Amino acid sequence: MRDVDRCYWQDDAPLPVAPGQALPAEVDVLIVGAGYTGLAAATETALAGRSTLVLDAGPLGGGCSSRNGGQVAFSIKPDHAVLVARHGAAIADGIYREGMEAVDELRTRATRGGLDCDWRDVGCFVAAHTRRHYDALVRAAEGQPRGFEAPFEVVPAARQSEAVDSPLYHGGVVFPGDAAVHPLRLVNALHREAVAAGAQFASHCAVRGIARAGDGYEVDTATGRVRARRVLIATNGYTGAFSPWHRRRVLPIGSYIVATEPLDPALVARLIPHGRNLGDTRRVVIYVRPSPDGRRILFGGRAAAGETDIARCVPRLRRMLAELFPPLADVAITHAWMGFVGFTFDTMPHLGQRDGLYYSMGYCGQGIPSATYYGRRVGRWMADRPGGETVLQDLPFPARPYYTGRPWFLPAAVQAYRLLDRMGL
């Protein structure tokens, strides 16, 4: 099984490489994490003339930024009414507005701004796991908050084969505004922008500690110390022990993906017409899309809780895929990989400043639009440039008692969600 332990996206795109030079003694801006957030922020600070160094504990972009499914959708999980109750109408509107801007901005940059990431305006079909879910899904689509309506098309069960050929569902809703990208090409495009702006990079350079030093910070790393005037924590689902305050507020949740062997393109087109992204209403999340060449199906989901050995998750993913698409019960799996998504206790991204340290993290499974959008904002904020303002700035970032960064409660929660899904509740 271990021969499939490889990321499909790396077949045709390499991870960016750092030059391997010695760390500078001092910089204006030091960014911890070379994923979407760190890369986007580094471009902004470097363009402002700030000397910028980006560090990553592993390869540049080697975390979930290059290992996700590539789906792009509206990125705010709480309902508008929930946000109004938490924060008031003005902030709720602002959060929703930024969630929509994040997708629109990335679309514009990808289609007209030269950001090479294989952008595809494919849309998404959200399938209803039960008839009750179908009714709730339609009500939610028809009752979108005024001023934030997204186009949609209801697909009843009788027409479901127009959207997905699966016995598992009871109709659903198409959201044509969703899109897909090649996530590793997006990493490379953002890296090229940051390098062109003047940012420096160091890979395999884990941060061990950050301490105040005069009007800045001294950052202790695996390969030396660096003084920095400003520091950004952009580690999301990979936040380490060097920053316990942030680690207590982000839950690293494993996202596991497999790619089938090459299939007849006609079969792929029959199972997923129009090449759309696919999700459903179950609590244990799945996400599906055709490969960019239309010859494979990429299937991902929460197949485990914290497992890092992808080989142990492949049998479960195979069973889940066969349940969704019975004709694929016997196909070979050629690639299997995983990454850690950063969730928060209020299912919201968070951006702000704590003890002088800037942070942007907690994208809850929609990091492609959110991390690129908020990475640019926090970079501008750090560089004192216009356009860094965001409604998220310093909103309360909740933690929980007895949680220190290892989500020990996830296995029980996932099992409970699976039971509720099987019961159709």
Protein backbone atom coordinates (compact mmCIF):
# COMPACT_ATOMS: atom_id res chain seq x y z
CA MET A 1 0.00 0.00 0.00
CA ARG A 2 2.89 2.38 0.65
CA ASP A 3 3.68 2.69 -3.05
CA VAL A 4 0.62 4.98 -3.40
CA ASP A 5 1.86 7.36 -0.70
CA ARG A 6 2.38 10.35 -2.98
CA CYS A 7 0.57 13.59 -3.75
CA TYR A 8 -1.10 13.69 -7.15
CA TRP A 9 -0.38 17.41 -7.58
CA GLN A 10 3.37 16.80 -7.46
CA ASP A 11 3.24 14.70 -10.64
CA ASP A 12 3.35 17.81 -12.82
CA ALA A 13 4.45 20.61 -10.48
CA PRO A 14 7.43 20.67 -8.10
CA LEU A 15 7.44 22.29 -4.69
CA PRO A 16 9.29 25.63 -4.71
CA VAL A 17 12.90 25.44 -3.55
CA ALA A 18 14.72 27.82 -1.19
CA PRO A 19 18.28 28.82 -2.21
CA GLY A 20 19.95 27.33 0.89
CA GLN A 21 21.85 30.47 1.89
CA ALA A 22 22.66 31.49 5.46
CA LEU A 23 19.95 33.30 7.41
CA PRO A 24 20.29 37.09 7.57
CA ALA A 25 21.11 38.48 10.99
CA GLU A 26 18.22 40.94 10.91
CA VAL A 27 15.10 41.65 8.84
CA ASP A 28 12.17 44.01 8.96
CA VAL A 29 9.59 41.22 8.66
CA LEU A 30 9.89 37.54 9.52
CA ILE A 31 7.05 35.23 8.47
CA VAL A 32 6.64 31.77 9.98
CA GLY A 33 4.97 29.47 7.44
CA ALA A 34 5.41 29.34 3.66
CA GLY A 35 1.88 28.37 2.70
CA TYR A 36 -0.69 30.57 0.99
CA THR A 37 -0.87 33.05 3.89
CA GLY A 38 2.86 33.50 4.30
CA LEU A 39 3.52 33.74 0.56
CA ALA A 40 0.79 36.32 -0.01
CA ALA A 41 1.88 38.38 3.00
CA ALA A 42 5.55 38.25 1.97
CA THR A 43 4.76 39.77 -1.41
CA GLU A 44 3.01 42.70 0.22
CA THR A 45 5.71 43.44 2.80
CA ALA A 46 8.51 43.08 0.23
CA LEU A 47 6.72 45.34 -2.24
CA ALA A 48 6.56 47.95 0.54
CA GLY A 49 10.35 47.89 0.77
CA ARG A 50 10.51 45.84 3.98
CA SER A 51 13.24 43.21 4.08
CA THR A 52 11.26 40.00 4.39
CA LEU A 53 12.26 36.46 5.38
CA VAL A 54 9.85 33.50 5.19
CA LEU A 55 10.69 30.36 7.18
CA ASP A 56 9.10 26.93 7.01
CA ALA A 57 9.74 23.86 9.14
CA GLY A 58 9.47 21.69 6.04
CA PRO A 59 9.63 22.31 2.29
CA LEU A 60 8.19 25.60 1.06
CA GLY A 61 4.45 25.18 0.57
CA GLY A 62 4.72 21.56 1.71
CA GLY A 63 1.77 21.68 4.10
CA CYS A 64 -1.91 21.69 3.22
CA SER A 65 -1.50 24.59 0.78
CA SER A 66 -0.07 22.16 -1.79
CA ARG A 67 -1.97 19.09 -0.58
CA ASN A 68 -5.65 20.10 -0.62
CA GLY A 69 -8.34 19.20 -3.15
CA GLY A 70 -8.21 22.50 -5.02
CA GLN A 71 -11.85 23.49 -4.46
CA VAL A 72 -12.68 27.21 -4.25
CA ALA A 73 -15.91 28.34 -2.61
CA PHE A 74 -17.39 31.03 -0.38
CA SER A 75 -15.28 30.64 2.72
CA ILE A 76 -17.43 31.64 5.72
CA LYS A 77 -18.99 28.70 7.56
CA PRO A 78 -21.30 30.27 10.19
CA ASP A 79 -24.71 31.40 8.94
CA HIS A 80 -25.21 35.13 8.62
CA ALA A 81 -27.80 35.00 11.44
CA VAL A 82 -25.28 33.30 13.73
CA LEU A 83 -22.72 35.99 12.99
CA VAL A 84 -25.29 38.73 13.66
CA ALA A 85 -26.03 37.17 17.05
CA ARG A 86 -22.31 36.96 17.87
CA HIS A 87 -21.00 40.24 16.53
CA GLY A 88 -23.87 42.46 15.36
CA ALA A 89 -25.19 43.17 11.87
CA ALA A 90 -22.39 45.48 10.70
CA ILE A 91 -19.59 43.02 11.48
CA ALA A 92 -21.63 40.08 10.16
CA ASP A 93 -22.14 41.92 6.87
CA GLY A 94 -18.45 42.73 6.72
CA ILE A 95 -17.44 39.12 7.29
CA TYR A 96 -19.77 37.93 4.53
CA ARG A 97 -18.60 40.68 2.20
CA GLU A 98 -14.97 39.71 2.68
CA GLY A 99 -15.80 36.05 2.14
CA MET A 100 -17.27 36.92 -1.25
CA GLU A 101 -14.43 39.31 -2.09
CA ALA A 102 -11.89 36.57 -1.37
CA VAL A 103 -13.28 34.37 -4.16
CA ASP A 104 -13.78 37.28 -6.57
CA GLU A 105 -10.27 38.63 -5.99
CA LEU A 106 -8.63 35.26 -6.56
CA ARG A 107 -10.72 34.70 -9.70
CA THR A 108 -9.64 38.08 -11.09
CA ARG A 109 -5.98 37.49 -10.31
CA ALA A 110 -6.08 33.98 -11.81
CA THR A 111 -7.97 34.84 -14.98
CA ARG A 112 -6.68 38.35 -15.66
CA GLY A 113 -3.71 38.95 -13.39
CA GLY A 114 -1.32 36.24 -14.50
CA LEU A 115 -1.61 34.06 -11.37
CA ASP A 116 -1.02 30.67 -13.02
CA CYS A 117 -3.02 28.12 -11.03
CA ASP A 118 -5.18 26.32 -13.65
CA TRP A 119 -8.32 28.21 -12.59
CA ARG A 120 -11.55 26.49 -13.68
CA ASP A 121 -15.03 27.96 -13.21
CA VAL A 122 -16.67 24.56 -12.80
CA GLY A 123 -19.23 25.19 -10.05
CA CYS A 124 -20.13 22.78 -7.26
CA PHE A 125 -22.98 20.34 -6.65
CA VAL A 126 -23.89 20.01 -2.98
CA ALA A 127 -25.75 16.71 -2.68
CA ALA A 128 -28.38 15.93 -0.06
CA HIS A 129 -27.69 12.79 1.94
CA THR A 130 -31.36 12.44 2.98
CA ARG A 131 -34.69 13.89 1.87
CA ARG A 132 -34.72 15.98 5.02
CA HIS A 133 -31.29 17.34 4.10
CA TYR A 134 -32.59 18.15 0.61
CA ASP A 135 -35.42 20.23 2.03
CA ALA A 136 -33.04 22.06 4.38
CA LEU A 137 -30.53 22.64 1.59
CA VAL A 138 -33.16 24.19 -0.68
CA ARG A 139 -34.51 26.37 2.13
CA ALA A 140 -31.01 27.64 2.86
CA ALA A 141 -30.34 28.43 -0.81
CA GLU A 142 -33.66 30.23 -1.18
CA GLY A 143 -33.22 32.10 2.11
CA GLN A 144 -29.75 33.53 1.58
CA PRO A 145 -29.22 36.85 3.38
CA ARG A 146 -30.23 39.88 1.35
CA GLY A 147 -27.33 41.43 -0.47
CA PHE A 148 -25.22 38.28 -0.28
CA GLU A 149 -27.16 35.96 -2.56
CA ALA A 150 -25.11 33.53 -4.64
CA PRO A 151 -26.60 32.06 -7.83
CA PHE A 152 -27.91 28.51 -7.43
CA GLU A 153 -29.93 25.86 -9.21
CA VAL A 154 -32.07 23.29 -7.41
CA VAL A 155 -31.68 19.75 -8.77
CA PRO A 156 -34.43 17.42 -7.50
CA ALA A 157 -33.85 13.70 -7.08
CA ALA A 158 -35.58 12.93 -10.39
CA ARG A 159 -32.89 14.95 -12.23
CA GLN A 160 -29.94 14.06 -10.05
CA SER A 161 -28.08 12.22 -12.83
CA GLU A 162 -27.64 15.62 -14.50
CA ALA A 163 -25.37 16.57 -11.58
CA VAL A 164 -23.95 13.31 -10.21
CA ASP A 165 -24.51 9.64 -11.01
CA SER A 166 -24.65 8.16 -7.52
CA PRO A 167 -27.24 6.10 -5.60
CA LEU A 168 -26.30 7.85 -2.38
CA TYR A 169 -28.22 11.10 -2.70
CA HIS A 170 -31.67 12.68 -2.87
CA GLY A 171 -31.05 15.67 -5.11
CA GLY A 172 -29.16 18.80 -4.23
CA VAL A 173 -28.18 22.32 -5.25
CA VAL A 174 -25.69 23.55 -7.85
CA PHE A 175 -23.64 26.64 -6.98
CA PRO A 176 -22.15 27.78 -10.32
CA GLY A 177 -19.87 30.40 -8.73
CA ASP A 178 -17.52 27.82 -7.22
CA ALA A 179 -14.24 26.98 -8.93
CA ALA A 180 -11.24 24.66 -8.89
CA VAL A 181 -7.49 25.21 -9.05
CA HIS A 182 -4.28 23.21 -9.10
CA PRO A 183 -3.21 23.92 -5.49
CA LEU A 184 0.51 23.35 -5.99
CA ARG A 185 0.60 25.57 -9.07
CA LEU A 186 -1.01 28.25 -6.93
CA VAL A 187 1.76 27.80 -4.34
CA ASN A 188 4.37 28.19 -7.06
CA ALA A 189 2.66 31.25 -8.54
CA LEU A 190 2.51 32.96 -5.13
CA HIS A 191 6.13 32.02 -4.45
CA ARG A 192 7.26 33.53 -7.76
CA GLU A 193 5.44 36.76 -6.89
CA ALA A 194 7.11 36.92 -3.47
CA VAL A 195 10.59 36.24 -4.88
CA ALA A 196 10.07 38.87 -7.60
CA ALA A 197 9.07 41.36 -4.90
CA GLY A 198 12.33 40.67 -3.03
CA ALA A 199 11.33 38.24 -0.26
CA GLN A 200 13.88 35.68 1.01
CA PHE A 201 13.07 32.08 1.94
CA ALA A 202 14.47 29.29 4.10
CA SER A 203 13.01 25.78 4.14
CA HIS A 204 13.49 23.02 6.75
CA CYS A 205 14.07 25.78 9.27
CA ALA A 206 11.74 25.20 12.21
CA VAL A 207 11.11 28.04 14.63
CA ARG A 208 11.86 27.06 18.22
CA GLY A 209 11.04 30.26 20.04
CA ILE A 210 10.18 33.93 19.68
CA ALA A 211 11.22 36.44 22.34
CA ARG A 212 10.97 40.20 22.69
CA ALA A 213 14.22 42.01 21.94
CA GLY A 214 14.13 45.79 22.19
CA ASP A 215 11.58 47.15 19.75
CA GLY A 216 11.42 43.83 17.87
CA TYR A 217 11.91 40.11 18.36
CA GLU A 218 14.63 37.50 18.41
CA VAL A 219 13.56 34.35 16.60
CA ASP A 220 15.36 31.12 17.46
CA THR A 221 15.35 28.62 14.58
CA ALA A 222 16.83 25.22 13.82
CA THR A 223 19.60 26.90 11.81
CA GLY A 224 20.29 30.07 13.76
CA ARG A 225 18.83 33.23 15.24
CA VAL A 226 17.27 36.18 13.43
CA ARG A 227 16.20 39.56 14.76
CA ALA A 228 12.99 40.94 13.25
CA ARG A 229 11.05 44.15 13.74
CA ARG A 230 7.75 42.40 13.03
CA VAL A 231 6.72 38.74 12.99
CA LEU A 232 3.74 37.00 11.36
CA ILE A 233 2.52 33.58 12.52
CA ALA A 234 1.11 31.98 9.36
CA THR A 235 1.19 28.31 10.34
CA ASN A 236 -2.54 27.47 10.37
CA GLY A 237 -2.94 23.67 10.83
CA TYR A 238 0.79 23.31 11.50
CA THR A 239 1.08 25.71 14.42
CA GLY A 240 3.82 24.44 16.75
CA ALA A 241 4.78 24.65 20.40
CA PHE A 242 6.79 27.85 19.85
CA SER A 243 3.49 29.76 19.94
CA PRO A 244 1.25 28.15 22.59
CA TRP A 245 -1.37 30.95 22.56
CA HIS A 246 -2.10 30.37 18.86
CA ARG A 247 -1.77 26.60 19.13
CA ARG A 248 -4.54 26.51 21.75
CA ARG A 249 -6.90 28.16 19.27
CA VAL A 250 -6.35 26.11 16.11
CA LEU A 251 -7.33 22.47 15.66
CA PRO A 252 -5.22 20.54 13.13
CA ILE A 253 -7.68 18.24 11.38
CA GLY A 254 -6.39 15.71 8.87
CA SER A 255 -7.75 15.86 5.34
CA TYR A 256 -7.11 12.66 3.35
CA ILE A 257 -7.28 12.33 -0.44
CA VAL A 258 -6.87 9.54 -3.00
CA ALA A 259 -6.65 9.59 -6.79
CA THR A 260 -7.92 6.73 -8.91
CA GLU A 261 -5.97 5.13 -11.71
CA PRO A 262 -6.64 6.68 -15.16
CA LEU A 263 -10.23 5.93 -16.19
CA ASP A 264 -12.23 6.17 -19.38
CA PRO A 265 -12.99 9.92 -19.65
CA ALA A 266 -16.55 9.02 -20.66
CA LEU A 267 -17.03 7.24 -17.31
CA VAL A 268 -15.69 10.23 -15.37
CA ALA A 269 -18.00 12.55 -17.34
CA ARG A 270 -20.99 10.28 -16.62
CA LEU A 271 -20.29 10.08 -12.89
CA ILE A 272 -19.59 13.82 -12.52
CA PRO A 273 -21.26 15.71 -15.39
CA HIS A 274 -19.86 19.15 -16.21
CA GLY A 275 -16.65 18.40 -14.27
CA ARG A 276 -18.01 20.07 -11.15
CA ASN A 277 -16.74 19.88 -7.60
CA LEU A 278 -18.93 17.67 -5.42
CA GLY A 279 -19.73 17.83 -1.71
CA ASP A 280 -22.63 16.64 0.40
CA THR A 281 -24.54 17.37 3.58
CA ARG A 282 -22.98 14.77 5.87
CA ARG A 283 -21.14 15.89 8.99
CA VAL A 284 -18.10 13.77 8.12
CA VAL A 285 -17.02 15.85 5.17
CA ILE A 286 -16.23 14.47 1.72
CA TYR A 287 -15.13 16.35 -1.38
CA VAL A 288 -14.76 15.07 -4.92
CA ARG A 289 -13.63 16.43 -8.27
CA PRO A 290 -12.35 15.11 -11.58
CA SER A 291 -8.63 15.51 -12.16
CA PRO A 292 -7.76 18.44 -14.44
CA ASP A 293 -7.27 16.08 -17.40
CA GLY A 294 -10.69 14.48 -16.81
CA ARG A 295 -9.22 10.97 -16.54
CA ARG A 296 -9.24 10.38 -12.77
CA ILE A 297 -11.46 11.07 -9.81
CA LEU A 298 -9.94 12.74 -6.75
CA PHE A 299 -11.78 11.79 -3.59
CA GLY A 300 -11.11 13.30 -0.19
CA GLY A 301 -12.59 13.44 3.25
CA ARG A 302 -12.17 13.10 6.99
CA ALA A 303 -11.22 9.43 6.86
CA ALA A 304 -9.41 9.50 10.20
CA ALA A 305 -8.74 11.73 13.20
CA GLY A 306 -5.10 12.72 13.38
CA GLU A 307 -3.64 9.73 11.51
CA THR A 308 -0.45 10.69 9.65
CA ASP A 309 0.17 7.33 7.94
CA ILE A 310 -1.92 7.73 4.80
CA ALA A 311 -1.63 4.02 3.98
CA ARG A 312 -3.81 3.24 7.00
CA CYS A 313 -6.55 5.51 5.63
CA VAL A 314 -6.67 4.19 2.06
CA PRO A 315 -9.00 1.21 2.79
CA ARG A 316 -11.59 3.49 4.39
CA LEU A 317 -11.33 6.01 1.55
CA ARG A 318 -11.76 3.16 -0.98
CA ARG A 319 -14.94 2.02 0.79
CA MET A 320 -16.30 5.57 0.91
CA LEU A 321 -15.54 6.05 -2.79
CA ALA A 322 -17.21 2.75 -3.75
CA GLU A 323 -20.30 3.71 -1.74
CA LEU A 324 -20.49 6.98 -3.66
CA PHE A 325 -19.66 5.51 -7.08
CA PRO A 326 -20.27 1.72 -7.24
CA PRO A 327 -18.64 1.41 -10.73
CA LEU A 328 -15.35 2.41 -9.06
CA ALA A 329 -15.40 -0.39 -6.47
CA ASP A 330 -12.52 -2.26 -8.10
CA VAL A 331 -10.42 0.57 -9.58
CA ALA A 332 -6.85 0.96 -8.42
CA ILE A 333 -5.72 3.83 -6.22
CA THR A 334 -2.48 5.31 -7.52
CA HIS A 335 -2.00 8.29 -5.17
CA ALA A 336 -2.88 8.93 -1.53
CA TRP A 337 -1.87 11.93 0.56
CA MET A 338 -2.97 14.09 3.46
CA GLY A 339 -2.54 17.48 5.05
CA PHE A 340 -3.71 19.29 8.17
CA VAL A 341 -6.54 21.81 7.83
CA GLY A 342 -6.68 24.50 10.51
CA PHE A 343 -10.10 24.73 12.21
CA THR A 344 -11.16 27.05 15.02
CA PHE A 345 -13.70 26.64 17.79
CA ASP A 346 -16.03 29.23 16.24
CA THR A 347 -15.41 27.92 12.66
CA MET A 348 -14.10 31.36 11.65
CA PRO A 349 -10.77 32.54 10.26
CA HIS A 350 -8.90 34.88 12.58
CA LEU A 351 -6.51 37.72 11.89
CA GLY A 352 -4.99 40.06 14.41
CA GLN A 353 -2.11 40.93 16.71
CA ARG A 354 -1.21 39.37 20.06
CA ASP A 355 1.71 40.65 22.16
CA GLY A 356 2.93 42.42 19.04
CA LEU A 357 2.92 39.23 16.95
CA TYR A 358 0.68 39.29 13.89
CA TYR A 359 -1.31 36.22 12.88
CA SER A 360 -3.73 34.99 10.23
CA MET A 361 -5.04 31.42 10.45
CA GLY A 362 -8.00 29.10 10.98
CA TYR A 363 -9.52 28.93 7.51
CA CYS A 364 -11.66 25.89 8.34
CA GLY A 365 -11.25 24.03 5.06
CA GLN A 366 -11.45 26.96 2.61
CA GLY A 367 -7.91 28.21 2.72
CA ILE A 368 -7.50 28.74 -1.00
CA PRO A 369 -9.54 31.95 -1.18
CA SER A 370 -9.26 32.89 2.51
CA ALA A 371 -5.53 32.48 3.06
CA THR A 372 -4.58 34.29 -0.14
CA TYR A 373 -7.01 37.12 0.65
CA TYR A 374 -6.16 37.56 4.34
CA GLY A 375 -2.48 36.93 3.72
CA ARG A 376 -2.40 39.99 1.50
CA ARG A 377 -4.35 42.03 4.06
CA VAL A 378 -2.15 41.15 7.00
CA GLY A 379 0.96 41.80 4.88
CA ARG A 380 -0.27 45.30 4.07
CA TRP A 381 -1.17 45.88 7.72
CA MET A 382 2.32 44.87 8.83
CA ALA A 383 3.87 47.16 6.23
CA ASP A 384 1.61 50.10 7.18
CA ARG A 385 0.20 50.13 3.66
CA PRO A 386 -3.38 50.99 2.64
CA GLY A 387 -5.69 48.02 2.06
CA GLY A 388 -4.72 46.08 5.16
CA GLU A 389 -7.97 46.74 6.98
CA THR A 390 -10.33 43.83 7.57
CA VAL A 391 -13.38 43.31 9.74
CA LEU A 392 -11.68 40.25 11.29
CA GLN A 393 -8.96 42.34 12.88
CA ASP A 394 -8.71 41.35 16.54
CA LEU A 395 -12.15 39.76 16.85
CA PRO A 396 -12.22 37.42 19.87
CA PHE A 397 -10.25 34.24 19.10
CA PRO A 398 -11.70 31.54 21.36
CA ALA A 399 -9.84 28.69 23.04
CA ARG A 400 -11.16 25.85 25.22
CA PRO A 401 -10.15 24.53 28.63
CA TYR A 402 -7.80 21.52 28.55
CA TYR A 403 -6.95 22.03 24.88
CA THR A 404 -3.27 22.75 24.21
CA GLY A 405 -2.95 21.93 20.51
CA ARG A 406 -3.54 18.20 20.33
CA PRO A 407 -7.25 17.55 19.56
CA TRP A 408 -7.61 14.48 21.78
CA PHE A 409 -11.40 14.65 21.51
CA LEU A 410 -11.58 14.29 17.72
CA PRO A 411 -11.78 10.48 17.46
CA ALA A 412 -14.89 10.40 19.65
CA ALA A 413 -16.42 13.36 17.80
CA VAL A 414 -15.82 11.79 14.38
CA GLN A 415 -17.35 8.51 15.51
CA ALA A 416 -20.42 10.35 16.83
CA TYR A 417 -20.75 12.26 13.53
CA ARG A 418 -20.48 9.01 11.55
CA LEU A 419 -23.28 7.52 13.64
CA LEU A 420 -25.49 10.56 13.06
CA ASP A 421 -24.73 10.39 9.31
CA ARG A 422 -25.68 6.70 9.19
CA MET A 423 -28.94 7.54 10.97
CA GLY A 424 -29.61 10.30 8.44
CA LEU A 425 -29.90 12.98 11.10
